[in-house]
C-alpha atoms as a PDB file:
ATOM      1  CA  UNK A   1      91.478   7.386-161.091  1.00  0.00           C
ATOM      2  CA  UNK A   2      88.915   4.712-160.335  1.00  0.00           C
ATOM      3  CA  UNK A   3      87.635   6.375-157.180  1.00  0.00           C
ATOM      4  CA  UNK A   4      85.797   9.622-156.737  1.00  0.00           C
ATOM      5  CA  UNK A   5      87.386  12.967-156.029  1.00  0.00           C
ATOM      6  CA  UNK A   6      85.333  13.047-152.866  1.00  0.00           C
ATOM      7  CA  UNK A   7      87.017   9.883-151.559  1.00  0.00           C
ATOM      8  CA  UNK A   8      90.439  11.365-152.259  1.00  0.00           C
ATOM      9  CA  UNK A   9      89.650  14.570-150.401  1.00  0.00           C
ATOM     10  CA  UNK A  10      88.100  12.783-147.433  1.00  0.00           C
ATOM     11  CA  UNK A  11      91.080  10.451-147.227  1.00  0.00           C
ATOM     12  CA  UNK A  12      93.458  13.401-147.309  1.00  0.00           C
ATOM     13  CA  UNK A  13      91.560  15.261-144.596  1.00  0.00           C
ATOM     14  CA  UNK A  14      91.443  12.155-142.415  1.00  0.00           C
ATOM     15  CA  UNK A  15      95.165  11.675-142.933  1.00  0.00           C
ATOM     16  CA  UNK A  16      95.905  15.218-141.819  1.00  0.00           C
ATOM     17  CA  UNK A  17      93.757  14.726-138.745  1.00  0.00           C
ATOM     18  CA  UNK A  18      95.515  11.505-137.772  1.00  0.00           C
ATOM     19  CA  UNK A  19      98.935  12.991-138.388  1.00  0.00           C
ATOM     20  CA  UNK A  20      98.152  16.066-136.338  1.00  0.00           C
ATOM     21  CA  UNK A  21      96.828  14.101-133.375  1.00  0.00           C
ATOM     22  CA  UNK A  22      99.195  11.220-132.816  1.00  0.00           C
ATOM     23  CA  UNK A  23     101.177  10.329-135.947  1.00  0.00           C
ATOM     24  CA  UNK A  24      99.367   6.995-135.922  1.00  0.00           C
ATOM     25  CA  UNK A  25      96.997   4.655-134.211  1.00  0.00           C
ATOM     26  CA  UNK A  26      97.374   1.678-131.926  1.00  0.00           C
ATOM     27  CA  UNK A  27      94.294   0.076-133.486  1.00  0.00           C
ATOM     28  CA  UNK A  28      94.651  -2.206-136.491  1.00  0.00           C
ATOM     29  CA  UNK A  29      92.769  -0.760-139.479  1.00  0.00           C
ATOM     30  CA  UNK A  30      89.427  -2.562-139.725  1.00  0.00           C
ATOM     31  CA  UNK A  31      89.023  -2.296-143.498  1.00  0.00           C
ATOM     32  CA  UNK A  32      90.970  -1.592-146.648  1.00  0.00           C
ATOM     33  CA  UNK A  33      89.635   1.976-146.603  1.00  0.00           C
ATOM     34  CA  UNK A  34      90.837   2.458-143.010  1.00  0.00           C
ATOM     35  CA  UNK A  35      94.221   1.020-143.942  1.00  0.00           C
ATOM     36  CA  UNK A  36      94.461   3.413-146.883  1.00  0.00           C
ATOM     37  CA  UNK A  37      93.619   6.354-144.636  1.00  0.00           C
ATOM     38  CA  UNK A  38      96.283   5.308-142.124  1.00  0.00           C
ATOM     39  CA  UNK A  39      98.852   4.914-144.900  1.00  0.00           C
ATOM     40  CA  UNK A  40      98.073   8.445-146.071  1.00  0.00           C
ATOM     41  CA  UNK A  41      98.385   9.762-142.509  1.00  0.00           C
ATOM     42  CA  UNK A  42     101.820   8.157-142.261  1.00  0.00           C
ATOM     43  CA  UNK A  43     102.897   9.674-145.580  1.00  0.00           C
ATOM     44  CA  UNK A  44     101.707  13.102-144.419  1.00  0.00           C
ATOM     45  CA  UNK A  45     103.653  12.785-141.158  1.00  0.00           C
ATOM     46  CA  UNK A  46     106.867  11.680-142.867  1.00  0.00           C
ATOM     47  CA  UNK A  47     106.742  14.148-145.755  1.00  0.00           C
ATOM     48  CA  UNK A  48     105.957  17.075-143.450  1.00  0.00           C
ATOM     49  CA  UNK A  49     109.566  16.997-142.259  1.00  0.00           C
ATOM     50  CA  UNK A  50     112.156  19.010-144.168  1.00  0.00           C
ATOM     51  CA  UNK A  51     115.207  17.004-143.125  1.00  0.00           C
ATOM     52  CA  UNK A  52     116.074  13.327-142.922  1.00  0.00           C
ATOM     53  CA  UNK A  53     116.191  13.413-139.116  1.00  0.00           C
ATOM     54  CA  UNK A  54     112.614  14.686-138.961  1.00  0.00           C
ATOM     55  CA  UNK A  55     111.436  12.022-141.370  1.00  0.00           C
ATOM     56  CA  UNK A  56     113.089   9.365-139.218  1.00  0.00           C
ATOM     57  CA  UNK A  57     111.443  10.843-136.117  1.00  0.00           C
ATOM     58  CA  UNK A  58     108.003  10.557-137.740  1.00  0.00           C
ATOM     59  CA  UNK A  59     108.664   6.908-138.616  1.00  0.00           C
ATOM     60  CA  UNK A  60     109.952   6.150-135.131  1.00  0.00           C
ATOM     61  CA  UNK A  61     106.992   7.802-133.394  1.00  0.00           C
ATOM     62  CA  UNK A  62     104.502   5.935-135.572  1.00  0.00           C
ATOM     63  CA  UNK A  63     106.141   2.556-134.947  1.00  0.00           C
ATOM     64  CA  UNK A  64     106.278   3.280-131.211  1.00  0.00           C
ATOM     65  CA  UNK A  65     102.457   3.338-131.224  1.00  0.00           C
ATOM     66  CA  UNK A  66     102.646  -0.250-132.481  1.00  0.00           C
ATOM     67  CA  UNK A  67     105.100  -1.302-129.770  1.00  0.00           C
ATOM     68  CA  UNK A  68     107.994  -1.479-132.238  1.00  0.00           C
ATOM     69  CA  UNK A  69     111.313   0.006-131.122  1.00  0.00           C
ATOM     70  CA  UNK A  70     113.776   0.923-133.852  1.00  0.00           C
ATOM     71  CA  UNK A  71     117.542   0.557-133.655  1.00  0.00           C
ATOM     72  CA  UNK A  72     119.595   3.495-134.923  1.00  0.00           C
ATOM     73  CA  UNK A  73     122.600   2.521-137.021  1.00  0.00           C
ATOM     74  CA  UNK A  74     124.757   5.581-137.821  1.00  0.00           C
ATOM     75  CA  UNK A  75     127.227   5.237-140.684  1.00  0.00           C
ATOM     76  CA  UNK A  76     129.774   7.285-142.576  1.00  0.00           C
ATOM     77  CA  UNK A  77     130.245   7.107-146.330  1.00  0.00           C
ATOM     78  CA  UNK A  78     132.979   9.376-147.608  1.00  0.00           C
ATOM     79  CA  UNK A  79     132.094  12.852-146.381  1.00  0.00           C
ATOM     80  CA  UNK A  80     128.464  11.974-145.671  1.00  0.00           C
ATOM     81  CA  UNK A  81     126.893  10.872-142.415  1.00  0.00           C
ATOM     82  CA  UNK A  82     123.686   8.881-142.342  1.00  0.00           C
ATOM     83  CA  UNK A  83     121.473   6.870-140.009  1.00  0.00           C
ATOM     84  CA  UNK A  84     119.648   3.675-140.879  1.00  0.00           C
ATOM     85  CA  UNK A  85     116.708   2.460-138.793  1.00  0.00           C
ATOM     86  CA  UNK A  86     116.046  -1.259-138.277  1.00  0.00           C
ATOM     87  CA  UNK A  87     113.827  -3.491-136.165  1.00  0.00           C
ATOM     88  CA  UNK A  88     112.739  -7.103-135.862  1.00  0.00           C
ATOM     89  CA  UNK A  89     108.972  -7.472-136.024  1.00  0.00           C
ATOM     90  CA  UNK A  90     107.998 -11.085-135.426  1.00  0.00           C
ATOM     91  CA  UNK A  91     109.065 -14.676-135.858  1.00  0.00           C
ATOM     92  CA  UNK A  92     111.280 -17.281-134.230  1.00  0.00           C
ATOM     93  CA  UNK A  93     114.911 -16.264-133.809  1.00  0.00           C
ATOM     94  CA  UNK A  94     116.005 -19.383-135.703  1.00  0.00           C
ATOM     95  CA  UNK A  95     113.765 -18.720-138.708  1.00  0.00           C
ATOM     96  CA  UNK A  96     115.242 -17.243-141.924  1.00  0.00           C
ATOM     97  CA  UNK A  97     114.949 -13.476-142.217  1.00  0.00           C
ATOM     98  CA  UNK A  98     112.545 -11.675-144.534  1.00  0.00           C
ATOM     99  CA  UNK A  99     113.732  -8.067-144.580  1.00  0.00           C
ATOM    100  CA  UNK A 100     111.356  -5.330-145.764  1.00  0.00           C
ATOM    101  CA  UNK A 101     112.842  -1.919-146.482  1.00  0.00           C
ATOM    102  CA  UNK A 102     112.492   1.516-148.015  1.00  0.00           C
ATOM    103  CA  UNK A 103     114.588   4.645-148.111  1.00  0.00           C
ATOM    104  CA  UNK A 104     113.429   7.463-145.850  1.00  0.00           C
ATOM    105  CA  UNK A 105     115.511  10.331-147.252  1.00  0.00           C
ATOM    106  CA  UNK A 106     114.535  12.735-150.016  1.00  0.00           C
ATOM    107  CA  UNK A 107     116.058  15.176-152.455  1.00  0.00           C
ATOM    108  CA  UNK A 108     115.911  18.904-151.707  1.00  0.00           C
ATOM    109  CA  UNK A 109     113.008  19.668-154.069  1.00  0.00           C
ATOM    110  CA  UNK A 110     109.447  18.819-153.082  1.00  0.00           C
ATOM    111  CA  UNK A 111     108.208  16.983-149.999  1.00  0.00           C
ATOM    112  CA  UNK A 112     109.414  13.521-150.982  1.00  0.00           C
ATOM    113  CA  UNK A 113     105.893  12.130-150.581  1.00  0.00           C
ATOM    114  CA  UNK A 114     106.012   9.795-153.565  1.00  0.00           C
ATOM    115  CA  UNK A 115     109.783   9.354-153.328  1.00  0.00           C
ATOM    116  CA  UNK A 116     109.776   7.891-150.813  1.00  0.00           C
ATOM    117  CA  UNK A 117     107.474   8.542-147.885  1.00  0.00           C
ATOM    118  CA  UNK A 118     105.057   6.358-149.838  1.00  0.00           C
ATOM    119  CA  UNK A 119     107.364   3.338-149.689  1.00  0.00           C
ATOM    120  CA  UNK A 120     108.297   3.962-146.052  1.00  0.00           C
ATOM    121  CA  UNK A 121     104.598   4.037-145.141  1.00  0.00           C
ATOM    122  CA  UNK A 122     104.058   0.717-146.948  1.00  0.00           C
ATOM    123  CA  UNK A 123     106.774  -0.859-144.793  1.00  0.00           C
ATOM    124  CA  UNK A 124     105.016   0.514-141.693  1.00  0.00           C
ATOM    125  CA  UNK A 125     101.686  -0.919-142.867  1.00  0.00           C
ATOM    126  CA  UNK A 126     103.186  -4.348-143.507  1.00  0.00           C
ATOM    127  CA  UNK A 127     105.068  -4.285-140.197  1.00  0.00           C
ATOM    128  CA  UNK A 128     101.765  -3.706-138.388  1.00  0.00           C
ATOM    129  CA  UNK A 129     100.042  -6.560-140.194  1.00  0.00           C
ATOM    130  CA  UNK A 130     102.901  -9.061-139.924  1.00  0.00           C
ATOM    131  CA  UNK A 131     103.416  -8.285-136.232  1.00  0.00           C
ATOM    132  CA  UNK A 132      99.763  -8.985-135.471  1.00  0.00           C
ATOM    133  CA  UNK A 133      99.700 -12.126-137.615  1.00  0.00           C
ATOM    134  CA  UNK A 134     103.275 -13.423-138.052  1.00  0.00           C
ATOM    135  CA  UNK A 135     104.452 -15.513-140.951  1.00  0.00           C
ATOM    136  CA  UNK A 136     104.832 -19.242-140.360  1.00  0.00           C
ATOM    137  CA  UNK A 137     108.285 -19.901-141.794  1.00  0.00           C
ATOM    138  CA  UNK A 138     110.114 -16.566-141.625  1.00  0.00           C
ATOM    139  CA  UNK A 139     110.875 -13.945-139.076  1.00  0.00           C
ATOM    140  CA  UNK A 140     110.321 -10.414-140.337  1.00  0.00           C
ATOM    141  CA  UNK A 141     112.630  -7.429-140.038  1.00  0.00           C
ATOM    142  CA  UNK A 142     112.218  -3.889-141.343  1.00  0.00           C
ATOM    143  CA  UNK A 143     114.701  -1.220-142.399  1.00  0.00           C
ATOM    144  CA  UNK A 144     114.570   2.435-143.385  1.00  0.00           C
ATOM    145  CA  UNK A 145     117.661   3.425-145.362  1.00  0.00           C
ATOM    146  CA  UNK A 146     119.282   6.832-145.330  1.00  0.00           C
ATOM    147  CA  UNK A 147     121.116   8.492-148.236  1.00  0.00           C
ATOM    148  CA  UNK A 148     119.576   6.400-150.993  1.00  0.00           C
ATOM    149  CA  UNK A 149     119.402   9.572-153.059  1.00  0.00           C
ATOM    150  CA  UNK A 150     123.185   9.900-152.766  1.00  0.00           C
ATOM    151  CA  UNK A 151     123.948   6.499-154.240  1.00  0.00           C
ATOM    152  CA  UNK A 152     122.191   3.784-152.176  1.00  0.00           C
ATOM    153  CA  UNK A 153     124.598   4.565-149.345  1.00  0.00           C
ATOM    154  CA  UNK A 154     122.415   3.394-146.467  1.00  0.00           C
ATOM    155  CA  UNK A 155     121.734  -0.030-147.955  1.00  0.00           C
ATOM    156  CA  UNK A 156     125.415  -0.401-148.819  1.00  0.00           C
ATOM    157  CA  UNK A 157     126.361   0.526-145.243  1.00  0.00           C
ATOM    158  CA  UNK A 158     124.071  -2.198-143.882  1.00  0.00           C
ATOM    159  CA  UNK A 159     125.661  -4.802-146.132  1.00  0.00           C
ATOM    160  CA  UNK A 160     129.253  -3.673-145.651  1.00  0.00           C
ATOM    161  CA  UNK A 161     128.764  -3.155-141.910  1.00  0.00           C
ATOM    162  CA  UNK A 162     127.874  -6.744-141.123  1.00  0.00           C
ATOM    163  CA  UNK A 163     124.095  -6.628-141.402  1.00  0.00           C
ATOM    164  CA  UNK A 164     122.418 -10.023-141.469  1.00  0.00           C
ATOM    165  CA  UNK A 165     122.003 -11.509-144.912  1.00  0.00           C
ATOM    166  CA  UNK A 166     118.272 -12.112-145.394  1.00  0.00           C
ATOM    167  CA  UNK A 167     116.615 -15.045-147.073  1.00  0.00           C
ATOM    168  CA  UNK A 168     115.030 -12.273-149.143  1.00  0.00           C
ATOM    169  CA  UNK A 169     115.123  -8.495-149.123  1.00  0.00           C
ATOM    170  CA  UNK A 170     111.938  -6.767-150.360  1.00  0.00           C
ATOM    171  CA  UNK A 171     112.265  -3.081-151.236  1.00  0.00           C
ATOM    172  CA  UNK A 172     109.533  -0.454-151.662  1.00  0.00           C
ATOM    173  CA  UNK A 173     110.126   2.735-153.625  1.00  0.00           C
ATOM    174  CA  UNK A 174     107.490   4.975-155.277  1.00  0.00           C
ATOM    175  CA  UNK A 175     104.292   3.248-154.163  1.00  0.00           C
ATOM    176  CA  UNK A 176     101.800   6.010-154.709  1.00  0.00           C
ATOM    177  CA  UNK A 177      99.049   5.329-157.280  1.00  0.00           C
ATOM    178  CA  UNK A 178      98.033   3.207-160.225  1.00  0.00           C
ATOM    179  CA  UNK A 179      96.668  -0.120-161.387  1.00  0.00           C
ATOM    180  CA  UNK A 180      99.985  -1.982-161.673  1.00  0.00           C
ATOM    181  CA  UNK A 181     102.126  -3.668-159.051  1.00  0.00           C
ATOM    182  CA  UNK A 182     105.559  -3.321-160.637  1.00  0.00           C
ATOM    183  CA  UNK A 183     108.006  -5.926-159.354  1.00  0.00           C
ATOM    184  CA  UNK A 184     111.721  -6.030-159.969  1.00  0.00           C
ATOM    185  CA  UNK A 185     112.829  -9.640-159.877  1.00  0.00           C
ATOM    186  CA  UNK A 186     115.872 -11.190-161.565  1.00  0.00           C
ATOM    187  CA  UNK A 187     113.806 -14.360-161.988  1.00  0.00           C
ATOM    188  CA  UNK A 188     110.263 -14.019-163.330  1.00  0.00           C
ATOM    189  CA  UNK A 189     109.568 -17.541-161.982  1.00  0.00           C
ATOM    190  CA  UNK A 190     110.762 -16.682-158.477  1.00  0.00           C
ATOM    191  CA  UNK A 191     108.290 -18.114-155.927  1.00  0.00           C
ATOM    192  CA  UNK A 192     107.434 -14.596-154.745  1.00  0.00           C
ATOM    193  CA  UNK A 193     106.792 -13.492-158.333  1.00  0.00           C
ATOM    194  CA  UNK A 194     104.399 -16.423-158.777  1.00  0.00           C
ATOM    195  CA  UNK A 195     102.730 -15.568-155.471  1.00  0.00           C
ATOM    196  CA  UNK A 196     102.535 -11.918-156.523  1.00  0.00           C
ATOM    197  CA  UNK A 197     100.716 -12.837-159.734  1.00  0.00           C
ATOM    198  CA  UNK A 198      98.115 -14.794-157.786  1.00  0.00           C
ATOM    199  CA  UNK A 199      97.748 -11.958-155.279  1.00  0.00           C
ATOM    200  CA  UNK A 200      97.446  -9.315-157.998  1.00  0.00           C
ATOM    201  CA  UNK A 201      94.793 -11.361-159.779  1.00  0.00           C
ATOM    202  CA  UNK A 202      92.859 -11.639-156.549  1.00  0.00           C
ATOM    203  CA  UNK A 203      93.144  -7.884-155.913  1.00  0.00           C
ATOM    204  CA  UNK A 204      92.100  -7.011-159.463  1.00  0.00           C
ATOM    205  CA  UNK A 205      95.328  -5.237-160.352  1.00  0.00           C
ATOM    206  CA  UNK A 206      98.057  -5.872-162.912  1.00  0.00           C
ATOM    207  CA  UNK A 207     101.445  -7.401-162.099  1.00  0.00           C
ATOM    208  CA  UNK A 208     104.471  -6.416-164.168  1.00  0.00           C
ATOM    209  CA  UNK A 209     107.467  -8.527-163.111  1.00  0.00           C
ATOM    210  CA  UNK A 210     110.977  -8.633-164.546  1.00  0.00           C
ATOM    211  CA  UNK A 211     114.519  -7.286-164.368  1.00  0.00           C
ATOM    212  CA  UNK A 212     113.923  -3.926-166.038  1.00  0.00           C
ATOM    213  CA  UNK A 213     113.384  -1.444-163.257  1.00  0.00           C
ATOM    214  CA  UNK A 214     114.768   1.921-162.088  1.00  0.00           C
ATOM    215  CA  UNK A 215     117.794   1.914-159.754  1.00  0.00           C
ATOM    216  CA  UNK A 216     116.999   1.772-156.047  1.00  0.00           C
ATOM    217  CA  UNK A 217     118.160  -0.026-152.893  1.00  0.00           C
ATOM    218  CA  UNK A 218     117.613  -3.583-154.162  1.00  0.00           C
ATOM    219  CA  UNK A 219     120.688  -3.021-156.349  1.00  0.00           C
ATOM    220  CA  UNK A 220     123.007  -2.834-153.343  1.00  0.00           C
ATOM    221  CA  UNK A 221     121.772  -6.245-152.221  1.00  0.00           C
ATOM    222  CA  UNK A 222     121.978  -7.842-155.658  1.00  0.00           C
ATOM    223  CA  UNK A 223     125.511  -6.505-156.215  1.00  0.00           C
ATOM    224  CA  UNK A 224     126.511  -8.167-152.934  1.00  0.00           C
ATOM    225  CA  UNK A 225     125.006 -11.450-154.149  1.00  0.00           C
ATOM    226  CA  UNK A 226     122.110 -11.173-151.712  1.00  0.00           C
ATOM    227  CA  UNK A 227     118.565 -12.055-152.894  1.00  0.00           C
ATOM    228  CA  UNK A 228     116.375  -9.013-153.411  1.00  0.00           C
ATOM    229  CA  UNK A 229     113.253  -7.770-155.176  1.00  0.00           C
ATOM    230  CA  UNK A 230     111.493  -4.396-155.341  1.00  0.00           C
ATOM    231  CA  UNK A 231     107.888  -3.240-155.604  1.00  0.00           C
ATOM    232  CA  UNK A 232     106.362  -0.012-156.880  1.00  0.00           C
ATOM    233  CA  UNK A 233     102.737   0.889-157.509  1.00  0.00           C
ATOM    234  CA  UNK A 234     102.225   2.958-160.673  1.00  0.00           C
ATOM    235  CA  UNK A 235      99.962   3.130-163.691  1.00  0.00           C
ATOM    236  CA  UNK A 236     100.464   0.224-166.095  1.00  0.00           C
ATOM    237  CA  UNK A 237     100.847   2.640-169.032  1.00  0.00           C
ATOM    238  CA  UNK A 238     103.619   4.462-167.202  1.00  0.00           C
ATOM    239  CA  UNK A 239     106.008   1.529-166.987  1.00  0.00           C
ATOM    240  CA  UNK A 240     107.331   1.529-170.584  1.00  0.00           C
ATOM    241  CA  UNK A 241     107.593   5.331-170.480  1.00  0.00           C
ATOM    242  CA  UNK A 242     109.556   5.214-167.220  1.00  0.00           C
ATOM    243  CA  UNK A 243     111.954   2.665-168.694  1.00  0.00           C
ATOM    244  CA  UNK A 244     112.388   4.823-171.791  1.00  0.00           C
ATOM    245  CA  UNK A 245     113.267   7.814-169.624  1.00  0.00           C
ATOM    246  CA  UNK A 246     115.838   5.855-167.611  1.00  0.00           C
ATOM    247  CA  UNK A 247     117.262   4.604-170.915  1.00  0.00           C
ATOM    248  CA  UNK A 248     117.863   8.198-171.988  1.00  0.00           C
ATOM    249  CA  UNK A 249     114.958   8.284-174.444  1.00  0.00           C
ATOM    250  CA  UNK A 250     112.108  10.776-174.548  1.00  0.00           C
ATOM    251  CA  UNK A 251     108.660   9.136-174.573  1.00  0.00           C
ATOM    252  CA  UNK A 252     105.858  10.804-176.518  1.00  0.00           C
ATOM    253  CA  UNK A 253     103.912  11.224-173.282  1.00  0.00           C
ATOM    254  CA  UNK A 254     105.983  11.592-170.077  1.00  0.00           C
ATOM    255  CA  UNK A 255     105.125   9.196-167.270  1.00  0.00           C
ATOM    256  CA  UNK A 256     103.526  10.801-164.223  1.00  0.00           C
ATOM    257  CA  UNK A 257     106.326   9.427-162.038  1.00  0.00           C
ATOM    258  CA  UNK A 258     108.957  11.265-164.061  1.00  0.00           C
ATOM    259  CA  UNK A 259     107.040  14.529-163.724  1.00  0.00           C
ATOM    260  CA  UNK A 260     106.603  14.147-159.956  1.00  0.00           C
ATOM    261  CA  UNK A 261     109.716  12.715-158.332  1.00  0.00           C
ATOM    262  CA  UNK A 262     112.696  14.957-157.614  1.00  0.00           C
ATOM    263  CA  UNK A 263     110.550  18.030-158.182  1.00  0.00           C
ATOM    264  CA  UNK A 264     108.368  20.511-156.336  1.00  0.00           C
ATOM    265  CA  UNK A 265     105.378  18.453-157.530  1.00  0.00           C
ATOM    266  CA  UNK A 266     106.271  15.613-155.160  1.00  0.00           C
ATOM    267  CA  UNK A 267     103.564  16.263-152.554  1.00  0.00           C
ATOM    268  CA  UNK A 268     100.785  14.197-151.010  1.00  0.00           C
ATOM    269  CA  UNK A 269      98.314  15.641-153.501  1.00  0.00           C
ATOM    270  CA  UNK A 270      99.764  13.346-156.189  1.00  0.00           C
ATOM    271  CA  UNK A 271      98.913  10.193-154.244  1.00  0.00           C
ATOM    272  CA  UNK A 272      95.933   7.863-154.453  1.00  0.00           C
ATOM    273  CA  UNK A 273      95.264   6.188-151.119  1.00  0.00           C
ATOM    274  CA  UNK A 274      92.503   3.926-152.404  1.00  0.00           C
ATOM    275  CA  UNK A 275      94.724   2.405-155.081  1.00  0.00           C
ATOM    276  CA  UNK A 276      97.602   2.076-152.617  1.00  0.00           C
ATOM    277  CA  UNK A 277      95.300   0.251-150.187  1.00  0.00           C
ATOM    278  CA  UNK A 278      94.715  -2.415-152.835  1.00  0.00           C
ATOM    279  CA  UNK A 279      98.427  -2.560-153.575  1.00  0.00           C
ATOM    280  CA  UNK A 280      99.402  -3.074-149.918  1.00  0.00           C
ATOM    281  CA  UNK A 281      96.789  -5.817-149.553  1.00  0.00           C
ATOM    282  CA  UNK A 282      98.181  -7.541-152.653  1.00  0.00           C
ATOM    283  CA  UNK A 283     101.761  -7.431-151.354  1.00  0.00           C
ATOM    284  CA  UNK A 284     100.728  -8.802-147.957  1.00  0.00           C
ATOM    285  CA  UNK A 285      98.822 -11.595-149.719  1.00  0.00           C
ATOM    286  CA  UNK A 286     101.854 -12.352-151.899  1.00  0.00           C
ATOM    287  CA  UNK A 287     104.228 -12.512-148.920  1.00  0.00           C
ATOM    288  CA  UNK A 288     101.903 -14.862-147.058  1.00  0.00           C
ATOM    289  CA  UNK A 289     101.496 -17.128-150.106  1.00  0.00           C
ATOM    290  CA  UNK A 290     105.275 -17.186-150.580  1.00  0.00           C
ATOM    291  CA  UNK A 291     105.884 -17.946-146.914  1.00  0.00           C
ATOM    292  CA  UNK A 292     103.245 -20.697-146.834  1.00  0.00           C
ATOM    293  CA  UNK A 293     104.863 -22.372-149.856  1.00  0.00           C
ATOM    294  CA  UNK A 294     108.293 -22.398-148.171  1.00  0.00           C
ATOM    295  CA  UNK A 295     109.476 -25.772-146.947  1.00  0.00           C
ATOM    296  CA  UNK A 296     109.837 -26.193-143.190  1.00  0.00           C
END
């Protein structure tokens, strides 16, 4: 890690304090460090819940402090019942929709902090920023999908149930540490990929963009013919090892992600708030660059 152990511990303690008091703050973080601390507090609040309903409650309470009311969208898929959460954040009603989303559910093992309270908390952070300073050419919506771990069921339910087709869906899954913003994009020359490279350069982190990427909710959108990308934040050396693992191969050194997710190791102690703070800032920068380059 590039930051000190002391910073990590102080961030964690501050996160616990925030989570215990109010699950959030009505004040916009004044610095990247404050934003990182708030992100960690949100992850703590979400991952403290054992069940999906409790995780949704933590998300809803946090967004309520920002004046954002979520819509509950129950769905049934086979024998399973789920609930998606959605909201519109900012922008003219006639503007094309930029939809930001993450899955809020978890597997039974662990606390689901990395997978995927981390991604849900990134969506919250971006919702706060884009509500306070809206994009020029797009309105912004957010979504928290249920039952991703059972086969992307929440995202599929949104699509099949008549959800609005966005100009672009941006997914966040496993956004917990590292020096690399990993972007799934079917087109490496997509305007958002170009904007992401410029933003990553500015933030001093690496961008890895391309089609090879683990399965997550963007797949439901792409299979429906809807435009979608995904972001993760991991270590740059992990990416080839993660892809090897998903390809059924055994890397010489297992990636941290593969040792953490879907296990009892998936707790907040694995996360690096300072690195995530840089990653969130880079994504916000990329979205604003992409929006500014969009024709009226």
